[in-house]
Amino acid sequence: MTTMTEANIRLGAILAEAENQQSSLSVAKLESSGLVPDSIETGMAAQAIAAGAIGKEIGGWKIGVNSGRAIAAPLLDVYDTSIDTPFEVPKPGTVGVEIEICFVLANDIPPPATGQEYSRADIFSHIASVHLGAELVSYRLVEENKAPFPLFLADRLGNHSFVLGPEIDIAALERVANQDATLPALVVEGNGDVLFAAAPKHPQADPVAPLIAYANAPLDHLGGLKRGQIVTTGSLCGLIRLSGQTAIKTSWDGIADMALNLPA
């Protein structure tokens, strides 16, 4: 099936313009122009066109699971908190935050050979380090994540940017994967107010599971999983919607702490 259609090229260009202008598009208007993708494949194709038009280097991947199928969106703005703590996020427009476990890739993960699949151990051999991270969320769609899924996928799954936080021990990852009841609470504050305080849970239980699934069935048109990129696979706290908070502090007792400041 051809996915790089004229409609996908037009949609990609429109999404890139919305990103650059920090504007929003309505599903109705896109539908009237015949630009709403009708499948995961066409959504991924439009996503690649948009990323290319924006013109930023692919810093990593947001990987998720939709109806049992692994999908991915490129991270175009990736920041490292080791540069400055609390880290000053330079890009405006954040509407929400998700605290996540993420990975830095030690080397490329090419598509598996025909008839073979990557195991969990295989994927760990490609991981250089495990970190706490913060995905910052924004949308180029009026309907946000309620838009038809292939269109939401074309919009990079609502990614604004990603902040790489401190390295964590792999034991913490395994405790999340095993749903260890003794894990300390994850606490997220905004301007001193508690926005979330509960045991962290991953949507697929194991934060590595979406990466394994996507590595075994990649769909992107942007070069795939590369050495040095960051991969994040799902929020430990769900989406925390922000309402003017600019100082975001995350505390995970004995595991990691992270602080960042958003533009006012």
Protein backbone atom coordinates (compact mmCIF):
# COMPACT_ATOMS: atom_id res chain seq x y z
CA MET A 1 0.00 0.00 0.00
CA THR A 2 1.30 3.46 -0.93
CA THR A 3 1.39 5.71 2.11
CA MET A 4 3.24 8.74 0.74
CA THR A 5 0.16 10.18 -0.97
CA GLU A 6 -0.55 13.75 -2.00
CA ALA A 7 -2.94 14.03 0.94
CA ASN A 8 -0.23 12.89 3.38
CA ILE A 9 2.24 15.37 1.94
CA ARG A 10 -0.29 18.20 2.32
CA LEU A 11 -1.22 17.12 5.86
CA GLY A 12 2.43 16.90 6.85
CA ALA A 13 3.10 20.41 5.57
CA ILE A 14 0.04 21.78 7.40
CA LEU A 15 1.04 20.10 10.67
CA ALA A 16 4.57 21.49 10.33
CA GLU A 17 3.17 24.98 9.80
CA ALA A 18 0.93 24.58 12.86
CA GLU A 19 3.97 23.50 14.90
CA ASN A 20 5.99 26.50 13.79
CA GLN A 21 3.13 28.95 14.37
CA GLN A 22 1.86 27.25 17.55
CA SER A 23 -1.61 27.10 16.06
CA SER A 24 -4.30 24.40 16.07
CA LEU A 25 -6.19 22.61 13.31
CA SER A 26 -9.74 21.27 13.53
CA VAL A 27 -10.64 17.75 12.50
CA ALA A 28 -13.68 19.06 10.61
CA LYS A 29 -11.56 21.34 8.44
CA LEU A 30 -9.05 18.59 7.71
CA GLU A 31 -11.87 16.16 6.91
CA SER A 32 -13.47 18.61 4.49
CA SER A 33 -10.16 18.75 2.63
CA GLY A 34 -9.77 14.96 2.60
CA LEU A 35 -6.65 15.11 4.75
CA VAL A 36 -7.49 12.86 7.70
CA PRO A 37 -5.39 9.67 7.44
CA ASP A 38 -7.38 6.44 7.48
CA SER A 39 -4.81 4.00 8.89
CA ILE A 40 -1.78 3.64 11.13
CA GLU A 41 0.43 3.46 8.03
CA THR A 42 -0.88 6.69 6.50
CA GLY A 43 -0.69 8.44 9.88
CA MET A 44 2.96 7.42 10.23
CA ALA A 45 3.67 8.64 6.69
CA ALA A 46 2.12 12.06 7.34
CA GLN A 47 4.03 12.24 10.62
CA ALA A 48 7.31 11.73 8.74
CA ILE A 49 6.44 14.44 6.20
CA ALA A 50 5.69 16.86 9.05
CA ALA A 51 8.91 16.04 10.90
CA GLY A 52 10.94 16.53 7.72
CA ALA A 53 9.25 19.88 7.05
CA ILE A 54 9.90 21.07 10.61
CA GLY A 55 13.55 20.26 9.88
CA LYS A 56 14.82 19.22 13.30
CA GLU A 57 17.03 16.23 14.03
CA ILE A 58 15.26 13.16 15.41
CA GLY A 59 16.30 13.08 19.06
CA GLY A 60 14.36 9.99 20.01
CA TRP A 61 11.03 8.21 19.95
CA LYS A 62 7.78 8.11 21.87
CA ILE A 63 6.57 4.54 21.56
CA GLY A 64 3.12 3.36 22.53
CA VAL A 65 0.60 0.62 21.87
CA ASN A 66 -2.72 1.10 20.07
CA SER A 67 -5.14 -1.82 19.82
CA GLY A 68 -2.28 -4.20 20.50
CA ARG A 69 -0.02 -2.69 17.84
CA ALA A 70 3.18 -0.80 18.62
CA ILE A 71 3.40 2.69 17.12
CA ALA A 72 5.93 5.51 17.45
CA ALA A 73 6.35 9.25 17.08
CA PRO A 74 9.60 11.19 16.76
CA LEU A 75 10.88 13.43 19.55
CA LEU A 76 12.11 16.60 17.84
CA ASP A 77 13.06 18.70 20.87
CA VAL A 78 15.04 16.75 23.47
CA TYR A 79 16.69 18.44 26.45
CA ASP A 80 19.18 17.06 28.97
CA THR A 81 18.73 18.18 32.60
CA SER A 82 22.40 17.52 33.35
CA ILE A 83 23.05 20.87 31.66
CA ASP A 84 21.12 22.83 34.29
CA THR A 85 19.11 21.95 37.40
CA PRO A 86 16.37 23.03 37.59
CA PHE A 87 16.32 22.86 33.82
CA GLU A 88 14.91 25.86 31.94
CA VAL A 89 12.80 24.55 29.06
CA PRO A 90 13.24 27.03 26.18
CA LYS A 91 10.20 26.07 24.08
CA PRO A 92 6.81 27.63 24.98
CA GLY A 93 3.42 26.01 24.63
CA THR A 94 3.37 23.08 27.09
CA VAL A 95 -0.16 22.11 28.19
CA GLY A 96 0.66 18.94 30.12
CA VAL A 97 3.42 16.76 31.51
CA GLU A 98 3.95 13.01 31.83
CA ILE A 99 6.70 11.52 34.00
CA GLU A 100 8.22 8.47 32.35
CA ILE A 101 10.98 5.89 32.40
CA CYS A 102 13.11 6.25 29.29
CA PHE A 103 16.16 4.70 27.65
CA VAL A 104 19.25 5.97 25.87
CA LEU A 105 20.21 3.63 23.04
CA ALA A 106 23.76 2.28 23.03
CA ASN A 107 23.58 1.38 19.33
CA ASP A 108 21.20 1.16 16.40
CA ILE A 109 18.34 -1.35 16.54
CA PRO A 110 17.77 -2.39 12.91
CA PRO A 111 14.65 -4.31 11.86
CA PRO A 112 15.03 -7.97 12.84
CA ALA A 113 16.08 -10.53 10.28
CA THR A 114 13.24 -12.36 8.54
CA GLY A 115 11.76 -15.00 10.80
CA GLN A 116 13.50 -13.67 13.92
CA GLU A 117 12.41 -11.47 16.80
CA TYR A 118 14.20 -9.44 19.43
CA SER A 119 13.86 -10.74 22.97
CA ARG A 120 13.83 -8.60 26.10
CA ALA A 121 17.49 -9.55 26.68
CA ASP A 122 18.33 -8.53 23.09
CA ILE A 123 16.79 -5.11 23.60
CA PHE A 124 18.61 -4.60 26.91
CA SER A 125 21.89 -5.21 25.08
CA HIS A 126 21.06 -2.12 22.98
CA ILE A 127 20.33 0.13 25.99
CA ALA A 128 23.13 2.31 27.35
CA SER A 129 21.24 3.71 30.36
CA VAL A 130 17.83 4.00 32.01
CA HIS A 131 16.51 7.38 33.14
CA LEU A 132 13.60 9.24 34.61
CA GLY A 133 12.23 11.70 32.08
CA ALA A 134 9.47 14.20 31.50
CA GLU A 135 7.45 14.29 28.32
CA LEU A 136 5.97 17.72 27.74
CA VAL A 137 2.71 17.69 25.82
CA SER A 138 1.10 20.04 23.30
CA TYR A 139 -1.22 19.54 20.35
CA ARG A 140 -1.55 20.85 16.81
CA LEU A 141 -5.17 19.63 16.82
CA VAL A 142 -8.17 21.36 18.43
CA GLU A 143 -9.53 17.96 19.46
CA GLU A 144 -6.14 17.01 20.94
CA ASN A 145 -5.93 13.27 21.72
CA LYS A 146 -9.66 12.84 20.96
CA ALA A 147 -8.97 13.22 17.24
CA PRO A 148 -9.14 10.07 15.06
CA PHE A 149 -6.12 8.03 16.11
CA PRO A 150 -4.24 8.04 12.76
CA LEU A 151 -4.47 11.85 12.77
CA PHE A 152 -3.32 12.03 16.39
CA LEU A 153 -0.43 9.78 15.37
CA ALA A 154 0.41 12.14 12.50
CA ASP A 155 0.53 14.89 15.16
CA ARG A 156 3.39 13.03 16.87
CA LEU A 157 1.05 11.72 19.61
CA GLY A 158 0.86 15.19 21.11
CA ASN A 159 4.56 15.53 21.81
CA HIS A 160 5.88 19.01 22.59
CA SER A 161 9.36 18.05 23.78
CA PHE A 162 11.15 15.66 26.09
CA VAL A 163 13.40 16.30 29.07
CA LEU A 164 15.96 13.61 29.87
CA GLY A 165 16.25 13.35 33.63
CA PRO A 166 18.66 11.58 35.98
CA GLU A 167 19.83 8.02 35.43
CA ILE A 168 18.07 5.45 37.58
CA ASP A 169 19.00 1.95 38.66
CA ILE A 170 17.62 -0.81 36.47
CA ALA A 171 16.18 -2.35 39.65
CA ALA A 172 13.59 0.47 39.74
CA LEU A 173 12.52 -0.39 36.20
CA GLU A 174 12.10 -4.05 37.14
CA ARG A 175 10.09 -3.11 40.21
CA VAL A 176 7.71 -1.11 38.02
CA ALA A 177 7.51 -3.99 35.52
CA ASN A 178 6.69 -6.42 38.34
CA GLN A 179 4.21 -3.95 39.88
CA ASP A 180 6.08 -4.07 43.19
CA ALA A 181 3.71 -2.91 45.92
CA THR A 182 6.63 -1.53 47.95
CA LEU A 183 7.64 1.04 45.34
CA PRO A 184 7.69 4.54 46.82
CA ALA A 185 5.10 7.01 45.60
CA LEU A 186 5.89 9.26 42.67
CA VAL A 187 5.17 12.89 43.60
CA VAL A 188 4.78 15.63 41.01
CA GLU A 189 4.39 19.25 42.10
CA GLY A 190 3.58 22.37 40.13
CA ASN A 191 4.51 25.72 41.69
CA GLY A 192 4.54 23.95 45.07
CA ASP A 193 1.11 22.33 44.72
CA VAL A 194 0.89 18.53 44.57
CA LEU A 195 -0.44 17.51 41.15
CA PHE A 196 0.11 13.76 41.53
CA ALA A 197 1.11 11.52 44.42
CA ALA A 198 0.63 7.78 43.98
CA ALA A 199 2.36 4.54 43.15
CA PRO A 200 3.78 4.76 39.61
CA LYS A 201 2.22 2.44 37.03
CA HIS A 202 3.11 1.93 33.39
CA PRO A 203 0.29 1.41 30.82
CA GLN A 204 1.85 -1.90 29.69
CA ALA A 205 3.24 -2.74 33.16
CA ASP A 206 6.74 -3.29 31.72
CA PRO A 207 8.28 -0.07 30.33
CA VAL A 208 10.47 -2.14 27.99
CA ALA A 209 7.53 -3.99 26.39
CA PRO A 210 6.52 -1.29 23.85
CA LEU A 211 10.15 -0.89 22.75
CA ILE A 212 10.45 -4.65 22.17
CA ALA A 213 7.21 -4.69 20.18
CA TYR A 214 8.18 -1.71 18.02
CA ALA A 215 11.72 -2.96 17.41
CA ASN A 216 10.18 -6.15 16.04
CA ALA A 217 7.73 -4.32 13.76
CA PRO A 218 8.99 -0.80 12.97
CA LEU A 219 6.78 1.47 10.85
CA ASP A 220 8.49 4.86 10.67
CA HIS A 221 9.93 6.60 7.62
CA LEU A 222 12.58 8.52 9.57
CA GLY A 223 15.46 6.09 9.94
CA GLY A 224 14.34 3.99 12.88
CA LEU A 225 15.94 3.48 16.28
CA LYS A 226 19.45 4.94 16.32
CA ARG A 227 22.41 5.04 18.68
CA GLY A 228 22.20 7.94 21.14
CA GLN A 229 18.48 8.46 20.71
CA ILE A 230 16.08 8.50 23.64
CA VAL A 231 13.15 6.11 23.73
CA THR A 232 10.21 6.66 26.06
CA THR A 233 7.28 4.28 26.29
CA GLY A 234 4.51 5.59 28.53
CA SER A 235 3.62 7.71 31.52
CA LEU A 236 3.97 6.55 35.11
CA CYS A 237 1.35 9.10 36.21
CA GLY A 238 -0.92 9.59 33.21
CA LEU A 239 -1.27 13.03 31.65
CA ILE A 240 -1.04 15.83 34.21
CA ARG A 241 -2.82 18.81 32.69
CA LEU A 242 -1.19 22.12 33.58
CA SER A 243 -3.08 25.33 34.31
CA GLY A 244 -0.38 27.94 34.48
CA GLN A 245 2.15 26.03 36.59
CA THR A 246 5.71 26.70 35.42
CA ALA A 247 7.91 25.12 38.12
CA ILE A 248 7.57 21.34 37.89
CA LYS A 249 9.25 19.19 40.51
CA THR A 250 9.27 15.39 40.54
CA SER A 251 10.31 13.33 43.55
CA TRP A 252 10.59 9.54 43.61
CA ASP A 253 11.94 8.78 47.06
CA GLY A 254 15.31 7.07 46.93
CA ILE A 255 15.17 6.62 43.16
CA ALA A 256 15.37 10.01 41.44
CA ASP A 257 14.39 13.68 41.63
CA MET A 258 13.99 16.11 38.77
CA ALA A 259 13.07 19.78 38.45
CA LEU A 260 12.30 21.91 35.42
CA ASN A 261 10.93 25.36 34.71
CA LEU A 262 8.59 26.13 31.83
CA PRO A 263 8.30 29.48 30.06
CA ALA A 264 5.63 31.67 31.63
